[in-house]
C-alpha atoms as a PDB file:
ATOM      1  CA  UNK A   1       0.000   0.000   0.000  1.00  0.00           C
ATOM      2  CA  UNK A   2       2.848   2.387   0.881  1.00  0.00           C
ATOM      3  CA  UNK A   3       4.544   1.578  -2.421  1.00  0.00           C
ATOM      4  CA  UNK A   4       1.368   2.438  -4.364  1.00  0.00           C
ATOM      5  CA  UNK A   5       1.047   5.809  -2.569  1.00  0.00           C
ATOM      6  CA  UNK A   6       4.687   6.616  -3.399  1.00  0.00           C
ATOM      7  CA  UNK A   7       4.081   5.840  -7.070  1.00  0.00           C
ATOM      8  CA  UNK A   8       0.976   8.034  -7.104  1.00  0.00           C
ATOM      9  CA  UNK A   9       2.938  11.059  -5.943  1.00  0.00           C
ATOM     10  CA  UNK A  10       6.130  10.331  -7.834  1.00  0.00           C
ATOM     11  CA  UNK A  11       7.220  13.393  -9.814  1.00  0.00           C
ATOM     12  CA  UNK A  12       8.435  13.083 -13.392  1.00  0.00           C
ATOM     13  CA  UNK A  13      12.227  13.109 -13.330  1.00  0.00           C
ATOM     14  CA  UNK A  14      13.823  14.078 -16.599  1.00  0.00           C
ATOM     15  CA  UNK A  15      17.381  13.930 -15.268  1.00  0.00           C
ATOM     16  CA  UNK A  16      18.002  10.178 -15.999  1.00  0.00           C
ATOM     17  CA  UNK A  17      16.995  10.651 -19.649  1.00  0.00           C
ATOM     18  CA  UNK A  18      19.351  13.612 -19.932  1.00  0.00           C
ATOM     19  CA  UNK A  19      22.154  11.585 -18.365  1.00  0.00           C
ATOM     20  CA  UNK A  20      21.375   8.685 -20.723  1.00  0.00           C
ATOM     21  CA  UNK A  21      21.703  11.042 -23.711  1.00  0.00           C
ATOM     22  CA  UNK A  22      25.038  12.365 -22.467  1.00  0.00           C
ATOM     23  CA  UNK A  23      26.353   8.845 -21.808  1.00  0.00           C
ATOM     24  CA  UNK A  24      25.224   7.805 -25.297  1.00  0.00           C
ATOM     25  CA  UNK A  25      27.108  10.702 -26.872  1.00  0.00           C
ATOM     26  CA  UNK A  26      30.206   9.821 -24.839  1.00  0.00           C
ATOM     27  CA  UNK A  27      30.007   6.135 -25.892  1.00  0.00           C
ATOM     28  CA  UNK A  28      29.616   7.106 -29.562  1.00  0.00           C
ATOM     29  CA  UNK A  29      32.628   9.450 -29.369  1.00  0.00           C
ATOM     30  CA  UNK A  30      34.758   6.777 -27.648  1.00  0.00           C
ATOM     31  CA  UNK A  31      33.639   4.221 -30.205  1.00  0.00           C
ATOM     32  CA  UNK A  32      34.457   6.504 -33.144  1.00  0.00           C
ATOM     33  CA  UNK A  33      37.911   7.168 -31.689  1.00  0.00           C
ATOM     34  CA  UNK A  34      38.456   3.415 -31.289  1.00  0.00           C
ATOM     35  CA  UNK A  35      37.435   2.737 -34.890  1.00  0.00           C
ATOM     36  CA  UNK A  36      39.674   5.544 -36.100  1.00  0.00           C
ATOM     37  CA  UNK A  37      42.654   4.103 -34.193  1.00  0.00           C
ATOM     38  CA  UNK A  38      41.857   0.613 -35.546  1.00  0.00           C
ATOM     39  CA  UNK A  39      41.692   1.907 -39.125  1.00  0.00           C
ATOM     40  CA  UNK A  40      44.956   3.790 -38.637  1.00  0.00           C
ATOM     41  CA  UNK A  41      46.582   0.615 -37.306  1.00  0.00           C
ATOM     42  CA  UNK A  42      45.503  -1.515 -40.279  1.00  0.00           C
ATOM     43  CA  UNK A  43      46.444   1.267 -42.702  1.00  0.00           C
ATOM     44  CA  UNK A  44      49.930   1.573 -41.141  1.00  0.00           C
ATOM     45  CA  UNK A  45      50.352  -2.219 -41.423  1.00  0.00           C
ATOM     46  CA  UNK A  46      49.326  -2.105 -45.086  1.00  0.00           C
ATOM     47  CA  UNK A  47      51.642   0.848 -45.857  1.00  0.00           C
ATOM     48  CA  UNK A  48      54.522  -0.853 -44.011  1.00  0.00           C
ATOM     49  CA  UNK A  49      54.096  -3.961 -46.147  1.00  0.00           C
ATOM     50  CA  UNK A  50      54.042  -1.892 -49.337  1.00  0.00           C
ATOM     51  CA  UNK A  51      57.137   0.026 -48.239  1.00  0.00           C
ATOM     52  CA  UNK A  52      59.012  -3.213 -47.616  1.00  0.00           C
ATOM     53  CA  UNK A  53      58.032  -4.509 -51.079  1.00  0.00           C
ATOM     54  CA  UNK A  54      59.103  -1.210 -52.635  1.00  0.00           C
ATOM     55  CA  UNK A  55      62.475  -1.347 -50.864  1.00  0.00           C
ATOM     56  CA  UNK A  56      62.976  -4.905 -52.113  1.00  0.00           C
ATOM     57  CA  UNK A  57      62.118  -3.903 -55.679  1.00  0.00           C
ATOM     58  CA  UNK A  58      64.425  -0.868 -55.499  1.00  0.00           C
ATOM     59  CA  UNK A  59      67.213  -3.175 -54.305  1.00  0.00           C
ATOM     60  CA  UNK A  60      66.615  -5.482 -57.267  1.00  0.00           C
ATOM     61  CA  UNK A  61      66.631  -2.513 -59.675  1.00  0.00           C
ATOM     62  CA  UNK A  62      69.927  -1.340 -58.201  1.00  0.00           C
ATOM     63  CA  UNK A  63      71.442  -4.818 -58.643  1.00  0.00           C
ATOM     64  CA  UNK A  64      70.229  -5.009 -62.232  1.00  0.00           C
ATOM     65  CA  UNK A  65      71.543  -1.509 -62.933  1.00  0.00           C
ATOM     66  CA  UNK A  66      74.973  -2.491 -61.614  1.00  0.00           C
ATOM     67  CA  UNK A  67      74.920  -5.651 -63.748  1.00  0.00           C
ATOM     68  CA  UNK A  68      73.932  -3.603 -66.793  1.00  0.00           C
ATOM     69  CA  UNK A  69      76.783  -1.170 -66.161  1.00  0.00           C
ATOM     70  CA  UNK A  70      79.194  -4.108 -65.871  1.00  0.00           C
ATOM     71  CA  UNK A  71      77.924  -5.569 -69.119  1.00  0.00           C
ATOM     72  CA  UNK A  72      78.287  -2.210 -70.820  1.00  0.00           C
ATOM     73  CA  UNK A  73      81.879  -1.980 -69.585  1.00  0.00           C
ATOM     74  CA  UNK A  74      82.588  -5.473 -70.921  1.00  0.00           C
ATOM     75  CA  UNK A  75      80.975  -4.522 -74.231  1.00  0.00           C
ATOM     76  CA  UNK A  76      83.246  -1.476 -74.479  1.00  0.00           C
ATOM     77  CA  UNK A  77      86.302  -3.640 -73.850  1.00  0.00           C
ATOM     78  CA  UNK A  78      85.163  -6.103 -76.507  1.00  0.00           C
ATOM     79  CA  UNK A  79      84.571  -3.307 -78.982  1.00  0.00           C
ATOM     80  CA  UNK A  80      88.083  -1.996 -78.272  1.00  0.00           C
ATOM     81  CA  UNK A  81      89.465  -5.497 -78.855  1.00  0.00           C
ATOM     82  CA  UNK A  82      87.549  -5.719 -82.124  1.00  0.00           C
ATOM     83  CA  UNK A  83      88.962  -2.369 -83.232  1.00  0.00           C
ATOM     84  CA  UNK A  84      92.458  -3.587 -82.411  1.00  0.00           C
ATOM     85  CA  UNK A  85      91.911  -6.815 -84.352  1.00  0.00           C
ATOM     86  CA  UNK A  86      90.485  -4.901 -87.285  1.00  0.00           C
ATOM     87  CA  UNK A  87      93.574  -2.661 -87.347  1.00  0.00           C
ATOM     88  CA  UNK A  88      95.822  -5.724 -87.237  1.00  0.00           C
ATOM     89  CA  UNK A  89      93.818  -7.268 -90.093  1.00  0.00           C
ATOM     90  CA  UNK A  90      94.208  -4.126 -92.178  1.00  0.00           C
ATOM     91  CA  UNK A  91      97.938  -4.136 -91.510  1.00  0.00           C
ATOM     92  CA  UNK A  92      98.172  -7.795 -92.548  1.00  0.00           C
ATOM     93  CA  UNK A  93      96.270  -7.104 -95.757  1.00  0.00           C
ATOM     94  CA  UNK A  94      98.545  -4.191 -96.537  1.00  0.00           C
ATOM     95  CA  UNK A  95     101.627  -6.381 -95.889  1.00  0.00           C
ATOM     96  CA  UNK A  96     100.258  -9.061 -98.201  1.00  0.00           C
ATOM     97  CA  UNK A  97      99.670  -6.506-100.897  1.00  0.00           C
ATOM     98  CA  UNK A  98     103.177  -5.114-100.459  1.00  0.00           C
ATOM     99  CA  UNK A  99     104.700  -8.588-100.731  1.00  0.00           C
ATOM    100  CA  UNK A 100     102.707  -9.289-103.856  1.00  0.00           C
ATOM    101  CA  UNK A 101     103.904  -6.044-105.374  1.00  0.00           C
ATOM    102  CA  UNK A 102     107.496  -6.829-104.464  1.00  0.00           C
ATOM    103  CA  UNK A 103     107.217 -10.328-105.958  1.00  0.00           C
ATOM    104  CA  UNK A 104     105.855  -8.957-109.204  1.00  0.00           C
ATOM    105  CA  UNK A 105     108.678  -6.498-109.473  1.00  0.00           C
ATOM    106  CA  UNK A 106     111.339  -9.162-108.734  1.00  0.00           C
ATOM    107  CA  UNK A 107     112.634  -7.256-105.758  1.00  0.00           C
ATOM    108  CA  UNK A 108     112.568 -10.365-103.611  1.00  0.00           C
ATOM    109  CA  UNK A 109     113.071 -14.029-104.152  1.00  0.00           C
ATOM    110  CA  UNK A 110     109.958 -15.803-105.444  1.00  0.00           C
ATOM    111  CA  UNK A 111     110.088 -18.569-102.817  1.00  0.00           C
ATOM    112  CA  UNK A 112     110.558 -16.123 -99.965  1.00  0.00           C
ATOM    113  CA  UNK A 113     107.747 -14.048-101.296  1.00  0.00           C
ATOM    114  CA  UNK A 114     105.527 -17.093-101.548  1.00  0.00           C
ATOM    115  CA  UNK A 115     106.349 -18.106 -97.964  1.00  0.00           C
ATOM    116  CA  UNK A 116     105.649 -14.651 -96.652  1.00  0.00           C
ATOM    117  CA  UNK A 117     102.424 -14.539 -98.613  1.00  0.00           C
ATOM    118  CA  UNK A 118     101.326 -17.871 -97.119  1.00  0.00           C
ATOM    119  CA  UNK A 119     102.185 -16.672 -93.607  1.00  0.00           C
ATOM    120  CA  UNK A 120     100.238 -13.488 -94.186  1.00  0.00           C
ATOM    121  CA  UNK A 121      97.238 -15.469 -95.443  1.00  0.00           C
ATOM    122  CA  UNK A 122      97.332 -17.669 -92.342  1.00  0.00           C
ATOM    123  CA  UNK A 123      97.548 -14.636 -90.106  1.00  0.00           C
ATOM    124  CA  UNK A 124      94.629 -13.116 -91.996  1.00  0.00           C
ATOM    125  CA  UNK A 125      92.502 -16.252 -91.456  1.00  0.00           C
ATOM    126  CA  UNK A 126      93.338 -16.228 -87.727  1.00  0.00           C
ATOM    127  CA  UNK A 127      92.372 -12.578 -87.439  1.00  0.00           C
ATOM    128  CA  UNK A 128      89.089 -13.286 -89.214  1.00  0.00           C
ATOM    129  CA  UNK A 129      88.308 -16.137 -86.786  1.00  0.00           C
ATOM    130  CA  UNK A 130      89.107 -13.911 -83.797  1.00  0.00           C
ATOM    131  CA  UNK A 131      86.898 -11.166 -85.236  1.00  0.00           C
ATOM    132  CA  UNK A 132      84.041 -13.631 -85.713  1.00  0.00           C
ATOM    133  CA  UNK A 133      84.344 -14.768 -82.075  1.00  0.00           C
ATOM    134  CA  UNK A 134      84.368 -11.194 -80.852  1.00  0.00           C
ATOM    135  CA  UNK A 135      81.265 -10.388 -82.897  1.00  0.00           C
ATOM    136  CA  UNK A 136      79.540 -13.446 -81.431  1.00  0.00           C
ATOM    137  CA  UNK A 137      80.359 -12.228 -77.903  1.00  0.00           C
ATOM    138  CA  UNK A 138      78.987  -8.799 -78.740  1.00  0.00           C
ATOM    139  CA  UNK A 139      75.774 -10.394 -79.981  1.00  0.00           C
ATOM    140  CA  UNK A 140      75.419 -12.364 -76.714  1.00  0.00           C
ATOM    141  CA  UNK A 141      75.966  -9.167 -74.722  1.00  0.00           C
ATOM    142  CA  UNK A 142      73.308  -7.389 -76.742  1.00  0.00           C
ATOM    143  CA  UNK A 143      70.853 -10.198 -75.973  1.00  0.00           C
ATOM    144  CA  UNK A 144      71.665 -10.000 -72.253  1.00  0.00           C
ATOM    145  CA  UNK A 145      71.171  -6.232 -72.252  1.00  0.00           C
ATOM    146  CA  UNK A 146      67.800  -6.669 -73.970  1.00  0.00           C
ATOM    147  CA  UNK A 147      66.787  -9.236 -71.316  1.00  0.00           C
ATOM    148  CA  UNK A 148      67.798  -6.839 -68.530  1.00  0.00           C
ATOM    149  CA  UNK A 149      65.740  -4.088 -70.084  1.00  0.00           C
ATOM    150  CA  UNK A 150      62.709  -6.409 -70.192  1.00  0.00           C
ATOM    151  CA  UNK A 151      63.240  -7.227 -66.502  1.00  0.00           C
ATOM    152  CA  UNK A 152      63.413  -3.537 -65.635  1.00  0.00           C
ATOM    153  CA  UNK A 153      60.181  -2.920 -67.551  1.00  0.00           C
ATOM    154  CA  UNK A 154      58.494  -5.788 -65.658  1.00  0.00           C
ATOM    155  CA  UNK A 155      59.664  -4.363 -62.326  1.00  0.00           C
ATOM    156  CA  UNK A 156      58.314  -0.923 -63.224  1.00  0.00           C
ATOM    157  CA  UNK A 157      54.958  -2.518 -64.140  1.00  0.00           C
ATOM    158  CA  UNK A 158      54.944  -4.375 -60.798  1.00  0.00           C
ATOM    159  CA  UNK A 159      55.614  -1.119 -58.931  1.00  0.00           C
ATOM    160  CA  UNK A 160      52.783   0.617 -60.761  1.00  0.00           C
ATOM    161  CA  UNK A 161      50.418  -2.287 -59.974  1.00  0.00           C
ATOM    162  CA  UNK A 162      51.500  -2.203 -56.324  1.00  0.00           C
ATOM    163  CA  UNK A 163      50.764   1.517 -56.056  1.00  0.00           C
ATOM    164  CA  UNK A 164      47.352   0.989 -57.661  1.00  0.00           C
ATOM    165  CA  UNK A 165      46.563  -1.881 -55.270  1.00  0.00           C
ATOM    166  CA  UNK A 166      47.685   0.282 -52.328  1.00  0.00           C
ATOM    167  CA  UNK A 167      45.306   3.059 -53.341  1.00  0.00           C
ATOM    168  CA  UNK A 168      42.466   0.559 -53.743  1.00  0.00           C
ATOM    169  CA  UNK A 169      43.227  -0.952 -50.308  1.00  0.00           C
ATOM    170  CA  UNK A 170      43.165   2.471 -48.678  1.00  0.00           C
ATOM    171  CA  UNK A 171      39.838   3.217 -50.327  1.00  0.00           C
ATOM    172  CA  UNK A 172      38.408  -0.115 -49.139  1.00  0.00           C
ATOM    173  CA  UNK A 173      39.671   0.482 -45.586  1.00  0.00           C
ATOM    174  CA  UNK A 174      38.084   3.927 -45.543  1.00  0.00           C
ATOM    175  CA  UNK A 175      34.770   2.557 -46.827  1.00  0.00           C
ATOM    176  CA  UNK A 176      34.872  -0.335 -44.350  1.00  0.00           C
ATOM    177  CA  UNK A 177      35.586   2.062 -41.477  1.00  0.00           C
ATOM    178  CA  UNK A 178      32.616   4.239 -42.433  1.00  0.00           C
ATOM    179  CA  UNK A 179      30.260   1.256 -42.660  1.00  0.00           C
ATOM    180  CA  UNK A 180      31.602  -0.104 -39.371  1.00  0.00           C
ATOM    181  CA  UNK A 181      31.040   3.274 -37.708  1.00  0.00           C
ATOM    182  CA  UNK A 182      27.451   3.363 -38.891  1.00  0.00           C
ATOM    183  CA  UNK A 183      26.751  -0.227 -37.837  1.00  0.00           C
ATOM    184  CA  UNK A 184      28.290   0.139 -34.387  1.00  0.00           C
ATOM    185  CA  UNK A 185      26.591   3.477 -33.823  1.00  0.00           C
ATOM    186  CA  UNK A 186      23.282   1.785 -34.563  1.00  0.00           C
ATOM    187  CA  UNK A 187      24.117  -1.005 -32.091  1.00  0.00           C
ATOM    188  CA  UNK A 188      25.039   1.547 -29.407  1.00  0.00           C
ATOM    189  CA  UNK A 189      21.803   3.457 -29.950  1.00  0.00           C
ATOM    190  CA  UNK A 190      19.820   0.227 -29.811  1.00  0.00           C
ATOM    191  CA  UNK A 191      21.538  -0.839 -26.575  1.00  0.00           C
ATOM    192  CA  UNK A 192      20.942   2.597 -25.061  1.00  0.00           C
ATOM    193  CA  UNK A 193      17.255   2.311 -25.899  1.00  0.00           C
ATOM    194  CA  UNK A 194      17.028  -1.037 -24.134  1.00  0.00           C
ATOM    195  CA  UNK A 195      19.023   0.373 -21.190  1.00  0.00           C
ATOM    196  CA  UNK A 196      16.545   3.228 -20.805  1.00  0.00           C
ATOM    197  CA  UNK A 197      13.610   0.821 -20.979  1.00  0.00           C
ATOM    198  CA  UNK A 198      15.259  -1.525 -18.478  1.00  0.00           C
ATOM    199  CA  UNK A 199      15.985   1.211 -15.939  1.00  0.00           C
ATOM    200  CA  UNK A 200      12.496   2.598 -16.440  1.00  0.00           C
ATOM    201  CA  UNK A 201      11.028  -0.788 -15.567  1.00  0.00           C
ATOM    202  CA  UNK A 202      13.248  -1.081 -12.501  1.00  0.00           C
ATOM    203  CA  UNK A 203      12.092   2.321 -11.289  1.00  0.00           C
ATOM    204  CA  UNK A 204       8.485   1.244 -11.701  1.00  0.00           C
ATOM    205  CA  UNK A 205       9.094  -2.108  -9.983  1.00  0.00           C
ATOM    206  CA  UNK A 206      11.200  -0.893  -7.066  1.00  0.00           C
ATOM    207  CA  UNK A 207       9.484   2.444  -6.583  1.00  0.00           C
ATOM    208  CA  UNK A 208      11.002   5.758  -5.490  1.00  0.00           C
ATOM    209  CA  UNK A 209      13.023   4.466  -2.525  1.00  0.00           C
ATOM    210  CA  UNK A 210      15.840   6.782  -1.429  1.00  0.00           C
ATOM    211  CA  UNK A 211      18.227   3.846  -1.033  1.00  0.00           C
ATOM    212  CA  UNK A 212      17.699   2.682  -4.660  1.00  0.00           C
ATOM    213  CA  UNK A 213      18.420   5.290  -7.342  1.00  0.00           C
ATOM    214  CA  UNK A 214      19.775   5.925 -10.837  1.00  0.00           C
ATOM    215  CA  UNK A 215      23.220   7.527 -11.102  1.00  0.00           C
ATOM    216  CA  UNK A 216      24.212   8.233 -14.706  1.00  0.00           C
ATOM    217  CA  UNK A 217      23.986   4.992 -16.672  1.00  0.00           C
ATOM    218  CA  UNK A 218      23.899   2.822 -13.499  1.00  0.00           C
ATOM    219  CA  UNK A 219      21.188   1.575 -11.163  1.00  0.00           C
ATOM    220  CA  UNK A 220      22.455   1.818  -7.575  1.00  0.00           C
ATOM    221  CA  UNK A 221      21.402  -0.232  -4.525  1.00  0.00           C
ATOM    222  CA  UNK A 222      22.758   0.849  -1.164  1.00  0.00           C
ATOM    223  CA  UNK A 223      24.335  -2.180   0.505  1.00  0.00           C
ATOM    224  CA  UNK A 224      21.907  -1.997   3.399  1.00  0.00           C
ATOM    225  CA  UNK A 225      19.127  -2.952   0.978  1.00  0.00           C
ATOM    226  CA  UNK A 226      20.776  -6.306   0.202  1.00  0.00           C
ATOM    227  CA  UNK A 227      23.273  -7.135   2.968  1.00  0.00           C
ATOM    228  CA  UNK A 228      23.806  -6.928   6.672  1.00  0.00           C
ATOM    229  CA  UNK A 229      26.851  -5.016   7.932  1.00  0.00           C
ATOM    230  CA  UNK A 230      30.121  -6.725   7.013  1.00  0.00           C
ATOM    231  CA  UNK A 231      28.313  -9.625   5.325  1.00  0.00           C
ATOM    232  CA  UNK A 232      28.117 -10.867   1.730  1.00  0.00           C
ATOM    233  CA  UNK A 233      25.078 -13.115   2.224  1.00  0.00           C
ATOM    234  CA  UNK A 234      21.928 -11.577   0.751  1.00  0.00           C
ATOM    235  CA  UNK A 235      19.346 -10.726   3.384  1.00  0.00           C
ATOM    236  CA  UNK A 236      15.684 -11.853   3.036  1.00  0.00           C
ATOM    237  CA  UNK A 237      14.607  -8.286   2.227  1.00  0.00           C
ATOM    238  CA  UNK A 238      17.423  -8.056  -0.328  1.00  0.00           C
ATOM    239  CA  UNK A 239      16.233 -11.244  -2.029  1.00  0.00           C
ATOM    240  CA  UNK A 240      12.805  -9.669  -2.549  1.00  0.00           C
ATOM    241  CA  UNK A 241      14.412  -6.714  -4.306  1.00  0.00           C
ATOM    242  CA  UNK A 242      16.612  -9.018  -6.392  1.00  0.00           C
ATOM    243  CA  UNK A 243      13.576 -11.122  -7.361  1.00  0.00           C
ATOM    244  CA  UNK A 244      12.105  -8.035  -9.011  1.00  0.00           C
ATOM    245  CA  UNK A 245      15.460  -7.320 -10.641  1.00  0.00           C
ATOM    246  CA  UNK A 246      15.721 -10.907 -11.956  1.00  0.00           C
ATOM    247  CA  UNK A 247      12.253 -10.637 -13.481  1.00  0.00           C
ATOM    248  CA  UNK A 248      13.224  -7.439 -15.297  1.00  0.00           C
ATOM    249  CA  UNK A 249      16.467  -9.026 -16.577  1.00  0.00           C
ATOM    250  CA  UNK A 250      14.595 -12.079 -17.867  1.00  0.00           C
ATOM    251  CA  UNK A 251      12.216  -9.797 -19.766  1.00  0.00           C
ATOM    252  CA  UNK A 252      15.237  -7.991 -21.153  1.00  0.00           C
ATOM    253  CA  UNK A 253      16.800 -11.269 -22.361  1.00  0.00           C
ATOM    254  CA  UNK A 254      13.665 -12.045 -24.337  1.00  0.00           C
ATOM    255  CA  UNK A 255      13.441  -8.604 -25.935  1.00  0.00           C
ATOM    256  CA  UNK A 256      17.029  -7.783 -26.905  1.00  0.00           C
ATOM    257  CA  UNK A 257      18.011  -9.343 -30.286  1.00  0.00           C
ATOM    258  CA  UNK A 258      20.556 -12.201 -30.037  1.00  0.00           C
ATOM    259  CA  UNK A 259      23.069 -10.366 -32.237  1.00  0.00           C
ATOM    260  CA  UNK A 260      23.324  -7.453 -29.779  1.00  0.00           C
ATOM    261  CA  UNK A 261      26.246  -8.222 -27.396  1.00  0.00           C
ATOM    262  CA  UNK A 262      25.275  -7.048 -23.900  1.00  0.00           C
ATOM    263  CA  UNK A 263      25.921  -7.927 -20.282  1.00  0.00           C
ATOM    264  CA  UNK A 264      24.583  -6.734 -16.944  1.00  0.00           C
ATOM    265  CA  UNK A 265      27.638  -5.821 -14.881  1.00  0.00           C
ATOM    266  CA  UNK A 266      27.308  -6.005 -11.099  1.00  0.00           C
ATOM    267  CA  UNK A 267      29.851  -3.819  -9.275  1.00  0.00           C
ATOM    268  CA  UNK A 268      30.452  -4.023  -5.523  1.00  0.00           C
ATOM    269  CA  UNK A 269      31.643  -0.941  -3.548  1.00  0.00           C
ATOM    270  CA  UNK A 270      32.368  -0.275   0.135  1.00  0.00           C
ATOM    271  CA  UNK A 271      33.185   2.732   2.300  1.00  0.00           C
ATOM    272  CA  UNK A 272      36.749   3.504   3.372  1.00  0.00           C
ATOM    273  CA  UNK A 273      36.516   2.188   6.922  1.00  0.00           C
ATOM    274  CA  UNK A 274      38.934  -0.726   7.422  1.00  0.00           C
ATOM    275  CA  UNK A 275      37.601  -4.191   8.190  1.00  0.00           C
ATOM    276  CA  UNK A 276      38.508  -5.745  11.529  1.00  0.00           C
ATOM    277  CA  UNK A 277      41.017  -8.575  11.552  1.00  0.00           C
ATOM    278  CA  UNK A 278      38.630 -11.127  13.028  1.00  0.00           C
ATOM    279  CA  UNK A 279      36.064 -11.090  10.229  1.00  0.00           C
ATOM    280  CA  UNK A 280      35.619 -13.386   7.248  1.00  0.00           C
ATOM    281  CA  UNK A 281      37.037 -10.854   4.812  1.00  0.00           C
ATOM    282  CA  UNK A 282      40.489  -9.323   5.113  1.00  0.00           C
ATOM    283  CA  UNK A 283      39.864  -6.179   3.056  1.00  0.00           C
ATOM    284  CA  UNK A 284      37.093  -4.022   1.639  1.00  0.00           C
ATOM    285  CA  UNK A 285      38.119  -5.241  -1.786  1.00  0.00           C
ATOM    286  CA  UNK A 286      37.349  -8.848  -0.877  1.00  0.00           C
ATOM    287  CA  UNK A 287      34.027  -7.837   0.686  1.00  0.00           C
ATOM    288  CA  UNK A 288      32.936  -5.803  -2.361  1.00  0.00           C
ATOM    289  CA  UNK A 289      33.858  -8.625  -4.748  1.00  0.00           C
ATOM    290  CA  UNK A 290      32.068 -11.232  -2.621  1.00  0.00           C
ATOM    291  CA  UNK A 291      28.897  -9.125  -2.556  1.00  0.00           C
ATOM    292  CA  UNK A 292      28.947  -8.672  -6.352  1.00  0.00           C
ATOM    293  CA  UNK A 293      29.397 -12.423  -6.816  1.00  0.00           C
ATOM    294  CA  UNK A 294      26.522 -13.129  -4.428  1.00  0.00           C
ATOM    295  CA  UNK A 295      24.178 -10.921  -6.464  1.00  0.00           C
ATOM    296  CA  UNK A 296      25.262 -12.598  -9.718  1.00  0.00           C
ATOM    297  CA  UNK A 297      24.795 -16.084  -8.267  1.00  0.00           C
ATOM    298  CA  UNK A 298      21.341 -15.203  -6.964  1.00  0.00           C
ATOM    299  CA  UNK A 299      20.265 -13.854 -10.369  1.00  0.00           C
ATOM    300  CA  UNK A 300      21.545 -17.054 -12.015  1.00  0.00           C
ATOM    301  CA  UNK A 301      19.498 -19.088  -9.536  1.00  0.00           C
ATOM    302  CA  UNK A 302      16.437 -17.162 -10.731  1.00  0.00           C
ATOM    303  CA  UNK A 303      17.027 -18.150 -14.359  1.00  0.00           C
ATOM    304  CA  UNK A 304      19.228 -15.348 -15.707  1.00  0.00           C
ATOM    305  CA  UNK A 305      21.781 -16.646 -18.227  1.00  0.00           C
ATOM    306  CA  UNK A 306      25.315 -16.632 -16.691  1.00  0.00           C
ATOM    307  CA  UNK A 307      26.875 -15.326 -19.922  1.00  0.00           C
ATOM    308  CA  UNK A 308      24.784 -12.173 -19.551  1.00  0.00           C
ATOM    309  CA  UNK A 309      26.250 -11.343 -16.126  1.00  0.00           C
ATOM    310  CA  UNK A 310      29.607 -10.107 -14.825  1.00  0.00           C
ATOM    311  CA  UNK A 311      30.781  -9.375 -11.265  1.00  0.00           C
ATOM    312  CA  UNK A 312      33.471  -6.908 -10.174  1.00  0.00           C
ATOM    313  CA  UNK A 313      34.711  -5.589  -6.814  1.00  0.00           C
ATOM    314  CA  UNK A 314      36.086  -2.042  -6.414  1.00  0.00           C
ATOM    315  CA  UNK A 315      36.473  -1.816  -2.637  1.00  0.00           C
ATOM    316  CA  UNK A 316      36.543   1.753  -1.329  1.00  0.00           C
ATOM    317  CA  UNK A 317      38.446   3.198  -4.283  1.00  0.00           C
ATOM    318  CA  UNK A 318      35.539   4.694  -6.278  1.00  0.00           C
ATOM    319  CA  UNK A 319      33.405   6.597  -3.754  1.00  0.00           C
ATOM    320  CA  UNK A 320      30.329   8.582  -4.769  1.00  0.00           C
ATOM    321  CA  UNK A 321      30.689  10.956  -1.827  1.00  0.00           C
ATOM    322  CA  UNK A 322      33.940  12.295  -0.342  1.00  0.00           C
ATOM    323  CA  UNK A 323      32.330  13.055   3.017  1.00  0.00           C
ATOM    324  CA  UNK A 324      33.109  11.177   6.229  1.00  0.00           C
ATOM    325  CA  UNK A 325      29.698  11.359   7.911  1.00  0.00           C
ATOM    326  CA  UNK A 326      27.435   8.325   8.223  1.00  0.00           C
ATOM    327  CA  UNK A 327      25.185   9.405   5.346  1.00  0.00           C
ATOM    328  CA  UNK A 328      28.144   9.786   2.966  1.00  0.00           C
ATOM    329  CA  UNK A 329      29.600   6.434   3.990  1.00  0.00           C
ATOM    330  CA  UNK A 330      26.205   4.769   3.460  1.00  0.00           C
ATOM    331  CA  UNK A 331      26.044   6.198  -0.077  1.00  0.00           C
ATOM    332  CA  UNK A 332      29.471   4.745  -0.845  1.00  0.00           C
ATOM    333  CA  UNK A 333      28.465   1.247   0.355  1.00  0.00           C
ATOM    334  CA  UNK A 334      26.530   0.125  -2.696  1.00  0.00           C
ATOM    335  CA  UNK A 335      25.874  -2.375  -5.497  1.00  0.00           C
ATOM    336  CA  UNK A 336      25.767  -0.853  -8.976  1.00  0.00           C
ATOM    337  CA  UNK A 337      24.068  -2.421 -12.027  1.00  0.00           C
ATOM    338  CA  UNK A 338      25.227  -1.326 -15.471  1.00  0.00           C
ATOM    339  CA  UNK A 339      23.827  -2.564 -18.790  1.00  0.00           C
ATOM    340  CA  UNK A 340      26.765  -2.372 -21.178  1.00  0.00           C
ATOM    341  CA  UNK A 341      28.403  -3.966 -24.225  1.00  0.00           C
ATOM    342  CA  UNK A 342      30.218  -7.251 -23.784  1.00  0.00           C
END
């Protein structure tokens, strides 16, 4: 009856909706920053791989350029050798002609002239053979140079294709990042809508009790609602409150689409007063964690899926109120429920 009267006179409170909107904007901004950092990471990895390939190709071009320069040097030496052989051949032909002229004029003995002419002919044949070999070597060098030029052209084509692929990859990454931003923003908005509905139901179920309230994007139970002092076992009155909570969570499980990753996180907090050495728990941290686990286990016993729950203990290190009076300490001893992404 008292709960009905409190609902009848409950004033409309717009502050939770305003806080929900601010938290949604903050989540979207954090998400966009995360996506931007992820895209930058993948882009840096892609550019690093392209740079390494480009360095490797530049190294190959340098090696081929050095080989081409060496071949050109060898070709120059061969051409010089050919010129020398050609000059020797011309000199031999001139000597043969001179000997023939001398033989015709009778200036030398016919046999000597004939011998010299034969020797000159043999020398001429040798020079011709050497010249033919040198020309063959030059032809081989020309073929090798042509092959090197084809390799250089293939490497340049590969570099151009790599640059084109790099530009296409960057474009795809940018497009993927934009689509991912839109999709995740939609998921965040959808989760925020369910969070608002969930907290609205809890407010209707639990009523306007001063020891159960909404703070930002969290639903806060003062520890006295659920536990006795220094204990982590849920009190009978606390189980009644958690029964209502379990019912709301079960409704939420049925309504939220399966592809939306969400969990209900249960956070335990204490005040900053130290725990006595004779108790079950050695620190406020242990007590806060044990209380969060107790709430999670109770919700599981009421049918809530375990993979939709998480428990965490924060001890006295995240107070809501910095005061040291009893009211401030009571505010800091609390269990917080937060519907968030997995």
